[in-house]
Amino acid sequence: RKCELVANRYLLSKKETEVLFLLAKGRNAAYIQEKLYISEGTAKTHIRHIYRKCDIHNQQDLMRMVEDAQPTE
């Protein structure tokens, strides 16, 4: 649920949202590549786009952002 809030708030694409769910669980690019049947370069590109859109710099920041996500009204 919190991943969905973050994805919607930062206008992530469908594939970026899938990657976000895995990153939030602590998965790395190699795992994401295997799980989503994409190349490692594509996985890393999605990760870079997510970080840029969310204005964060690493996976720990992303996990914290998801954990702290609250619905806005």
C-alpha atoms as a PDB file:
ATOM      1  CA  ARG A   1       0.000   0.000   0.000  1.00  0.00           C
ATOM      2  CA  LYS A   2       2.737   2.462   0.941  1.00  0.00           C
ATOM      3  CA  CYS A   3       4.629   1.629  -2.262  1.00  0.00           C
ATOM      4  CA  GLU A   4       1.501   2.553  -4.217  1.00  0.00           C
ATOM      5  CA  LEU A   5       1.322   5.891  -2.401  1.00  0.00           C
ATOM      6  CA  VAL A   6       4.935   6.681  -3.315  1.00  0.00           C
ATOM      7  CA  ALA A   7       4.468   5.505  -6.923  1.00  0.00           C
ATOM      8  CA  ASN A   8       1.388   7.674  -7.387  1.00  0.00           C
ATOM      9  CA  ARG A   9       2.883  10.686  -5.625  1.00  0.00           C
ATOM     10  CA  TYR A  10       5.980  10.695  -7.861  1.00  0.00           C
ATOM     11  CA  LEU A  11       4.180   9.639 -11.071  1.00  0.00           C
ATOM     12  CA  LEU A  12       6.180   6.466 -11.596  1.00  0.00           C
ATOM     13  CA  SER A  13       5.512   4.336 -14.667  1.00  0.00           C
ATOM     14  CA  LYS A  14       4.052   0.849 -14.357  1.00  0.00           C
ATOM     15  CA  LYS A  15       7.470  -0.798 -14.714  1.00  0.00           C
ATOM     16  CA  GLU A  16       9.110   1.686 -12.327  1.00  0.00           C
ATOM     17  CA  THR A  17       6.394   0.836  -9.814  1.00  0.00           C
ATOM     18  CA  GLU A  18       7.197  -2.879 -10.127  1.00  0.00           C
ATOM     19  CA  VAL A  19      10.871  -2.084  -9.551  1.00  0.00           C
ATOM     20  CA  LEU A  20       9.965   0.156  -6.590  1.00  0.00           C
ATOM     21  CA  PHE A  21       8.126  -2.717  -4.869  1.00  0.00           C
ATOM     22  CA  LEU A  22      11.229  -4.902  -5.128  1.00  0.00           C
ATOM     23  CA  LEU A  23      13.642  -2.143  -4.069  1.00  0.00           C
ATOM     24  CA  ALA A  24      11.490  -1.420  -1.023  1.00  0.00           C
ATOM     25  CA  LYS A  25      11.936  -5.073  -0.019  1.00  0.00           C
ATOM     26  CA  GLY A  26      15.710  -4.630  -0.161  1.00  0.00           C
ATOM     27  CA  ARG A  27      16.262  -6.400  -3.498  1.00  0.00           C
ATOM     28  CA  ASN A  28      19.184  -5.439  -5.752  1.00  0.00           C
ATOM     29  CA  ALA A  29      19.422  -4.817  -9.508  1.00  0.00           C
ATOM     30  CA  ALA A  30      20.503  -8.397 -10.259  1.00  0.00           C
ATOM     31  CA  TYR A  31      17.465  -9.825  -8.437  1.00  0.00           C
ATOM     32  CA  ILE A  32      15.128  -7.318 -10.128  1.00  0.00           C
ATOM     33  CA  GLN A  33      16.556  -8.198 -13.539  1.00  0.00           C
ATOM     34  CA  GLU A  34      15.895 -11.899 -12.970  1.00  0.00           C
ATOM     35  CA  LYS A  35      12.460 -11.454 -11.416  1.00  0.00           C
ATOM     36  CA  LEU A  36      11.096  -9.056 -14.075  1.00  0.00           C
ATOM     37  CA  TYR A  37      12.878 -10.678 -17.053  1.00  0.00           C
ATOM     38  CA  ILE A  38      14.715  -7.501 -18.031  1.00  0.00           C
ATOM     39  CA  SER A  39      18.412  -6.806 -18.647  1.00  0.00           C
ATOM     40  CA  GLU A  40      20.602  -5.568 -15.815  1.00  0.00           C
ATOM     41  CA  GLY A  41      21.081  -2.284 -17.674  1.00  0.00           C
ATOM     42  CA  THR A  42      17.317  -1.813 -17.927  1.00  0.00           C
ATOM     43  CA  ALA A  43      16.902  -2.590 -14.221  1.00  0.00           C
ATOM     44  CA  LYS A  44      19.569  -0.026 -13.325  1.00  0.00           C
ATOM     45  CA  THR A  45      17.974   2.546 -15.630  1.00  0.00           C
ATOM     46  CA  HIS A  46      14.604   2.078 -13.917  1.00  0.00           C
ATOM     47  CA  ILE A  47      16.298   2.435 -10.525  1.00  0.00           C
ATOM     48  CA  ARG A  48      18.040   5.657 -11.626  1.00  0.00           C
ATOM     49  CA  HIS A  49      14.734   7.074 -12.911  1.00  0.00           C
ATOM     50  CA  ILE A  50      12.977   6.215  -9.639  1.00  0.00           C
ATOM     51  CA  TYR A  51      15.724   7.883  -7.586  1.00  0.00           C
ATOM     52  CA  ARG A  52      15.639  10.992  -9.794  1.00  0.00           C
ATOM     53  CA  LYS A  53      11.843  11.305  -9.737  1.00  0.00           C
ATOM     54  CA  CYS A  54      11.746  10.828  -5.949  1.00  0.00           C
ATOM     55  CA  ASP A  55      14.778  13.106  -5.403  1.00  0.00           C
ATOM     56  CA  ILE A  56      16.667  10.469  -3.418  1.00  0.00           C
ATOM     57  CA  HIS A  57      20.143   9.008  -3.837  1.00  0.00           C
ATOM     58  CA  ASN A  58      20.144   5.412  -2.631  1.00  0.00           C
ATOM     59  CA  GLN A  59      18.052   2.402  -1.714  1.00  0.00           C
ATOM     60  CA  GLN A  60      18.118   3.193   1.995  1.00  0.00           C
ATOM     61  CA  ASP A  61      16.512   6.596   1.308  1.00  0.00           C
ATOM     62  CA  LEU A  62      13.868   4.862  -0.806  1.00  0.00           C
ATOM     63  CA  MET A  63      13.084   2.294   1.889  1.00  0.00           C
ATOM     64  CA  ARG A  64      12.771   5.086   4.455  1.00  0.00           C
ATOM     65  CA  MET A  65      10.496   7.092   2.125  1.00  0.00           C
ATOM     66  CA  VAL A  66       8.186   4.109   1.601  1.00  0.00           C
ATOM     67  CA  GLU A  67       8.139   3.318   5.321  1.00  0.00           C
ATOM     68  CA  ASP A  68       7.215   6.925   6.174  1.00  0.00           C
ATOM     69  CA  ALA A  69       4.612   7.317   3.387  1.00  0.00           C
ATOM     70  CA  GLN A  70       1.273   8.658   4.610  1.00  0.00           C
ATOM     71  CA  PRO A  71      -1.872   9.185   2.546  1.00  0.00           C
ATOM     72  CA  THR A  72      -2.595  12.819   1.735  1.00  0.00           C
ATOM     73  CA  GLU A  73      -6.086  14.192   1.451  1.00  0.00           C
END
